[in-house]
């Protein structure tokens, strides 16, 4: 199944939590903290219903940080995605 976001929306997938701490301690599932970093999977075309156009600066594969309570969650074929407006992304993670 393919997801095609409309307008200035992007589809994000949360990056997996670390299995070990830096000191080598293996974490249980309950102890893992969800990271706030997401990977951009799909980017909309930027065209709005009112005819305006938003320049899409995000691209597939970018690692980003998004507002914690923004967008909507969708579960498709046992995978969880977050769909947000590009303006809800606060930073691109480089390196």
Protein backbone atom coordinates (compact mmCIF):
# COMPACT_ATOMS: atom_id res chain seq x y z
CA UNK A 1 0.00 0.00 0.00
CA UNK A 2 1.30 3.46 -0.90
CA UNK A 3 0.70 6.66 1.05
CA UNK A 4 0.56 9.94 -0.86
CA UNK A 5 0.33 12.99 1.42
CA UNK A 6 -1.62 15.97 0.12
CA UNK A 7 -0.44 19.58 0.03
CA UNK A 8 2.36 20.47 2.42
CA UNK A 9 2.16 17.28 4.44
CA UNK A 10 4.91 14.71 4.96
CA UNK A 11 4.82 11.10 6.15
CA UNK A 12 7.27 10.32 8.95
CA UNK A 13 8.39 7.11 10.62
CA UNK A 14 9.88 7.18 14.08
CA UNK A 15 13.52 6.08 14.30
CA UNK A 16 13.91 2.96 16.45
CA UNK A 17 14.98 3.35 20.08
CA UNK A 18 18.46 2.30 21.11
CA UNK A 19 18.83 -1.29 22.34
CA UNK A 20 21.86 -0.46 24.53
CA UNK A 21 23.09 2.50 26.52
CA UNK A 22 26.48 4.04 25.70
CA UNK A 23 27.98 2.05 28.58
CA UNK A 24 26.71 -1.24 27.10
CA UNK A 25 23.68 -1.91 29.29
CA UNK A 26 20.94 -3.70 27.32
CA UNK A 27 17.56 -2.00 27.75
CA UNK A 28 14.25 -3.79 28.17
CA UNK A 29 11.31 -2.76 26.00
CA UNK A 30 9.77 -0.77 28.87
CA UNK A 31 12.99 1.13 29.60
CA UNK A 32 13.51 2.32 26.04
CA UNK A 33 12.65 5.96 25.52
CA UNK A 34 11.04 6.77 22.19
CA UNK A 35 13.39 9.01 20.24
CA UNK A 36 12.09 12.31 18.93
CA UNK A 37 13.82 11.78 15.59
CA UNK A 38 11.82 10.76 12.54
CA UNK A 39 12.71 9.76 9.00
CA UNK A 40 10.86 11.40 6.10
CA UNK A 41 9.27 8.67 3.96
CA UNK A 42 7.06 10.64 1.54
CA UNK A 43 6.65 14.35 0.78
CA UNK A 44 3.53 16.04 -0.60
CA UNK A 45 3.57 18.28 -3.68
CA UNK A 46 3.09 21.53 -1.73
CA UNK A 47 -0.03 22.62 -3.60
CA UNK A 48 -2.83 23.90 -1.39
CA UNK A 49 -6.58 23.72 -2.04
CA UNK A 50 -6.80 27.53 -2.18
CA UNK A 51 -4.26 27.68 -5.03
CA UNK A 52 -1.24 28.79 -3.01
CA UNK A 53 1.94 26.77 -3.16
CA UNK A 54 4.30 25.91 -0.30
CA UNK A 55 7.97 25.32 -1.11
CA UNK A 56 8.77 21.81 0.13
CA UNK A 57 12.26 21.86 1.66
CA UNK A 58 12.07 18.36 3.15
CA UNK A 59 13.04 15.37 1.04
CA UNK A 60 12.73 11.61 1.38
CA UNK A 61 15.38 10.21 3.72
CA UNK A 62 15.83 13.37 5.81
CA UNK A 63 16.08 12.83 9.57
CA UNK A 64 13.95 15.43 11.34
CA UNK A 65 12.57 16.50 14.71
CA UNK A 66 8.85 17.27 14.78
CA UNK A 67 6.59 18.87 17.39
CA UNK A 68 5.67 16.22 19.93
CA UNK A 69 1.87 16.50 19.69
CA UNK A 70 1.42 17.45 16.05
CA UNK A 71 -0.05 15.57 13.13
CA UNK A 72 -1.93 12.32 13.12
CA UNK A 73 -0.88 8.72 13.57
CA UNK A 74 -1.81 6.10 10.99
CA UNK A 75 -1.24 2.35 11.23
CA UNK A 76 -0.97 0.63 7.85
CA UNK A 77 -0.03 -3.03 7.45
CA UNK A 78 1.26 -3.23 11.06
CA UNK A 79 3.55 -0.19 10.62
CA UNK A 80 2.91 3.11 12.38
CA UNK A 81 3.38 6.42 10.56
CA UNK A 82 2.90 10.05 11.50
CA UNK A 83 1.51 12.53 8.97
CA UNK A 84 2.36 16.17 9.72
CA UNK A 85 2.46 19.50 7.94
CA UNK A 86 5.93 20.58 6.92
CA UNK A 87 5.59 23.54 9.31
CA UNK A 88 5.32 21.07 12.25
CA UNK A 89 8.89 19.92 11.59
CA UNK A 90 11.20 22.05 13.74
CA UNK A 91 14.65 20.83 12.63
CA UNK A 92 16.57 18.68 10.17
CA UNK A 93 19.16 16.45 11.84
CA UNK A 94 22.47 16.44 9.96
CA UNK A 95 25.38 14.07 10.33
